[in-house]
N, C-alpha and C. Protein backbone atom coordinates (compact mmCIF):
# COMPACT_ATOMS: atom_id res chain seq x y z
N MET A 1 -9.16 -3.57 20.24
CA MET A 1 -10.69 -3.68 20.61
C MET A 1 -11.12 -4.49 20.23
N PRO A 2 -11.70 -5.67 20.73
CA PRO A 2 -12.13 -6.78 19.88
C PRO A 2 -13.48 -6.46 19.03
N THR A 3 -13.47 -7.55 18.05
CA THR A 3 -14.84 -7.53 16.96
C THR A 3 -15.50 -8.59 17.10
N PHE A 4 -16.95 -8.18 16.96
CA PHE A 4 -17.81 -9.60 17.19
C PHE A 4 -18.57 -9.44 16.04
N LYS A 5 -18.97 -10.61 15.64
CA LYS A 5 -19.83 -10.73 14.73
C LYS A 5 -21.10 -11.26 15.25
N VAL A 6 -22.16 -10.44 14.94
CA VAL A 6 -23.82 -10.95 15.43
C VAL A 6 -24.66 -11.45 14.06
N ARG A 7 -25.33 -12.42 14.11
CA ARG A 7 -26.56 -12.94 13.24
C ARG A 7 -27.64 -12.60 14.00
N THR A 8 -28.10 -11.77 13.40
CA THR A 8 -29.91 -11.27 13.81
C THR A 8 -30.70 -12.06 12.95
N TYR A 9 -31.91 -11.76 12.75
CA TYR A 9 -32.70 -12.34 11.96
C TYR A 9 -32.86 -11.60 10.55
N GLU A 10 -32.33 -10.36 10.63
CA GLU A 10 -32.45 -9.88 9.37
C GLU A 10 -31.09 -9.69 8.69
N GLU A 11 -29.82 -9.67 9.34
CA GLU A 11 -28.62 -9.43 8.76
C GLU A 11 -27.25 -10.00 9.80
N HIS A 12 -26.45 -9.95 9.37
CA HIS A 12 -25.27 -10.12 10.00
C HIS A 12 -24.45 -8.75 10.36
N VAL A 13 -24.11 -8.67 11.65
CA VAL A 13 -23.83 -7.24 11.96
C VAL A 13 -22.19 -7.61 12.65
N THR A 14 -21.36 -6.43 12.45
CA THR A 14 -20.28 -6.60 13.18
C THR A 14 -20.07 -5.78 13.90
N ILE A 15 -19.73 -5.91 14.74
CA ILE A 15 -19.74 -4.91 16.36
C ILE A 15 -18.28 -4.80 17.09
N GLU A 16 -17.82 -3.55 16.79
CA GLU A 16 -16.29 -3.49 17.66
C GLU A 16 -16.69 -2.93 19.36
N ALA A 17 -16.23 -3.84 20.32
CA ALA A 17 -16.77 -3.18 21.72
C ALA A 17 -15.80 -3.78 22.55
N ASP A 18 -15.60 -3.28 23.72
CA ASP A 18 -14.48 -3.77 24.58
C ASP A 18 -15.16 -4.78 25.46
N SER A 19 -16.69 -4.89 25.55
CA SER A 19 -16.94 -6.25 26.32
C SER A 19 -18.48 -6.43 26.06
N ILE A 20 -19.04 -7.75 26.31
CA ILE A 20 -20.39 -8.17 25.89
C ILE A 20 -20.76 -8.72 26.99
N GLU A 21 -22.33 -8.32 27.05
CA GLU A 21 -22.74 -9.07 28.45
C GLU A 21 -24.32 -9.44 27.90
N TYR A 22 -24.50 -10.57 28.68
CA TYR A 22 -26.09 -11.15 28.49
C TYR A 22 -26.46 -10.66 29.65
N CYS A 23 -27.96 -10.04 29.34
CA CYS A 23 -28.66 -9.44 30.21
C CYS A 23 -29.86 -10.32 30.28
N LEU A 24 -30.56 -9.93 31.33
CA LEU A 24 -32.16 -10.42 31.66
C LEU A 24 -33.14 -9.06 31.61
N ASP A 25 -32.85 -7.74 31.40
CA ASP A 25 -33.38 -6.79 31.51
C ASP A 25 -34.07 -6.28 30.44
N GLY A 26 -34.52 -7.11 29.35
CA GLY A 26 -35.25 -7.26 28.52
C GLY A 26 -34.51 -7.09 26.69
N ILE A 27 -33.16 -6.54 27.27
CA ILE A 27 -31.99 -6.87 26.06
C ILE A 27 -31.09 -7.88 26.20
N SER A 28 -31.38 -8.86 25.26
CA SER A 28 -30.74 -10.53 25.85
C SER A 28 -29.04 -9.95 25.61
N LEU A 29 -28.61 -8.70 24.71
CA LEU A 29 -27.30 -9.07 24.33
C LEU A 29 -26.56 -7.36 24.50
N ARG A 30 -25.69 -7.31 25.08
CA ARG A 30 -25.23 -5.74 25.28
C ARG A 30 -24.07 -5.61 25.37
N PHE A 31 -23.53 -4.77 24.06
CA PHE A 31 -21.80 -4.71 24.06
C PHE A 31 -21.72 -3.09 24.66
N THR A 32 -20.51 -2.96 25.48
CA THR A 32 -20.38 -1.89 25.56
C THR A 32 -18.92 -1.71 25.63
N THR A 33 -18.46 -0.28 25.54
CA THR A 33 -17.36 0.26 25.23
C THR A 33 -17.07 1.37 26.66
N GLY A 34 -16.02 1.03 26.98
CA GLY A 34 -15.92 1.80 28.48
C GLY A 34 -17.18 2.06 29.08
N ASP A 35 -18.04 2.75 29.34
CA ASP A 35 -18.90 2.90 30.49
C ASP A 35 -20.23 3.11 29.48
N LYS A 36 -20.09 3.23 28.29
CA LYS A 36 -21.44 3.38 27.32
C LYS A 36 -21.70 2.13 26.23
N ILE A 37 -23.06 2.00 26.46
CA ILE A 37 -23.61 0.49 25.68
C ILE A 37 -23.64 1.10 24.42
N THR A 38 -22.70 0.40 23.51
CA THR A 38 -22.79 0.41 21.96
C THR A 38 -23.49 -0.28 21.00
N ALA A 39 -24.04 -1.06 21.41
CA ALA A 39 -25.16 -1.94 20.69
C ALA A 39 -25.94 -2.74 21.74
N GLY A 40 -26.92 -3.28 21.40
CA GLY A 40 -27.78 -4.46 22.28
C GLY A 40 -28.75 -5.03 21.26
N PHE A 41 -29.11 -6.24 21.31
CA PHE A 41 -30.03 -7.00 20.77
C PHE A 41 -30.99 -7.92 21.65
N SER A 42 -32.19 -7.76 21.31
CA SER A 42 -33.29 -8.55 21.84
C SER A 42 -33.45 -10.11 21.26
N ARG A 43 -33.12 -9.63 19.87
CA ARG A 43 -33.15 -11.17 19.24
C ARG A 43 -32.14 -11.35 18.16
N TYR A 44 -31.32 -12.25 18.38
CA TYR A 44 -30.08 -12.85 17.67
C TYR A 44 -30.06 -13.90 17.44
N LEU A 45 -29.66 -14.75 16.65
CA LEU A 45 -29.16 -15.99 16.53
C LEU A 45 -28.05 -16.64 17.06
N TRP A 46 -27.10 -15.90 16.77
CA TRP A 46 -25.85 -16.16 17.46
C TRP A 46 -24.82 -14.96 17.31
N VAL A 47 -23.69 -14.94 18.40
CA VAL A 47 -22.70 -14.11 18.51
C VAL A 47 -21.55 -14.82 18.47
N GLN A 48 -20.16 -14.14 17.62
CA GLN A 48 -18.72 -14.80 17.83
C GLN A 48 -17.94 -13.66 18.04
N GLU A 49 -16.95 -13.88 18.60
CA GLU A 49 -15.86 -12.98 18.66
C GLU A 49 -14.76 -13.26 17.51
N VAL A 50 -14.58 -12.29 16.72
CA VAL A 50 -13.75 -12.40 15.82
C VAL A 50 -12.06 -12.30 16.27
N LYS A 51 -11.25 -13.48 16.65
CA LYS A 51 -9.99 -13.56 17.00
C LYS A 51 -8.88 -12.58 15.52
N ALA A 52 -7.97 -11.86 16.28
CA ALA A 52 -7.00 -11.41 15.10
C ALA A 52 -6.31 -12.26 14.83
N GLU A 53 -5.97 -12.41 13.78
CA GLU A 53 -4.89 -13.27 13.43
C GLU A 53 -3.66 -12.33 13.70
N PRO A 54 -2.80 -13.46 14.22
CA PRO A 54 -1.04 -13.02 14.51
C PRO A 54 -0.60 -12.55 13.29
N VAL A 55 0.32 -11.28 13.40
CA VAL A 55 0.85 -10.86 12.13
C VAL A 55 2.22 -11.45 12.22
N ALA A 56 2.59 -11.96 11.07
CA ALA A 56 3.71 -12.77 10.88
C ALA A 56 4.78 -11.62 10.90
N ASP A 57 5.90 -11.92 11.44
CA ASP A 57 6.98 -10.74 11.63
C ASP A 57 7.67 -10.42 9.91
N ALA A 58 7.94 -9.55 9.72
CA ALA A 58 8.39 -9.49 8.66
C ALA A 58 10.16 -9.85 8.46
N PRO A 59 10.65 -10.25 7.40
CA PRO A 59 11.97 -11.04 7.33
C PRO A 59 12.96 -9.89 7.89
N VAL A 60 14.11 -10.08 8.66
CA VAL A 60 14.87 -9.02 8.97
C VAL A 60 15.85 -9.24 7.79
N THR A 61 16.28 -8.07 7.17
CA THR A 61 17.55 -8.13 6.07
C THR A 61 18.39 -6.92 6.92
N GLU A 62 19.67 -7.48 6.72
CA GLU A 62 20.62 -6.82 7.45
C GLU A 62 21.15 -6.09 6.25
N GLU A 63 21.43 -4.77 6.23
CA GLU A 63 22.07 -3.82 4.84
C GLU A 63 23.49 -3.80 5.31
N PRO A 64 24.32 -3.94 4.44
CA PRO A 64 25.93 -3.82 4.35
C PRO A 64 26.29 -2.72 5.12
N ALA A 65 27.26 -2.73 6.16
CA ALA A 65 27.78 -1.61 6.76
C ALA A 65 28.40 -0.60 5.90
N GLU A 66 28.30 0.49 5.94
CA GLU A 66 28.99 1.46 5.01
C GLU A 66 30.52 1.44 5.38
N PRO A 67 31.16 1.68 4.67
CA PRO A 67 32.78 1.55 4.78
C PRO A 67 33.22 2.85 5.67
N VAL A 68 34.23 2.91 6.60
CA VAL A 68 34.71 3.80 7.34
C VAL A 68 35.94 4.24 6.91
N SER A 69 35.83 5.66 6.71
CA SER A 69 36.90 6.40 5.89
C SER A 69 37.76 6.66 7.33
N GLU A 70 38.85 6.32 7.16
CA GLU A 70 39.85 6.39 7.96
C GLU A 70 40.93 7.80 7.83
């Protein structure tokens, strides 16, 4: 789920939501998850999507094979 940072006039807010929508119905910014509104702001300074850092693959180490008894 994408994460967004929102700077309001009072604070910084971090929100997890599926999508962001800019609206003209009194709420300038709306975040939704599924079909539910999870947050809305009528006054904000900026919004930024936080991109997930790519996870580096762990080094693969091969363990020596166990001897097969005949």
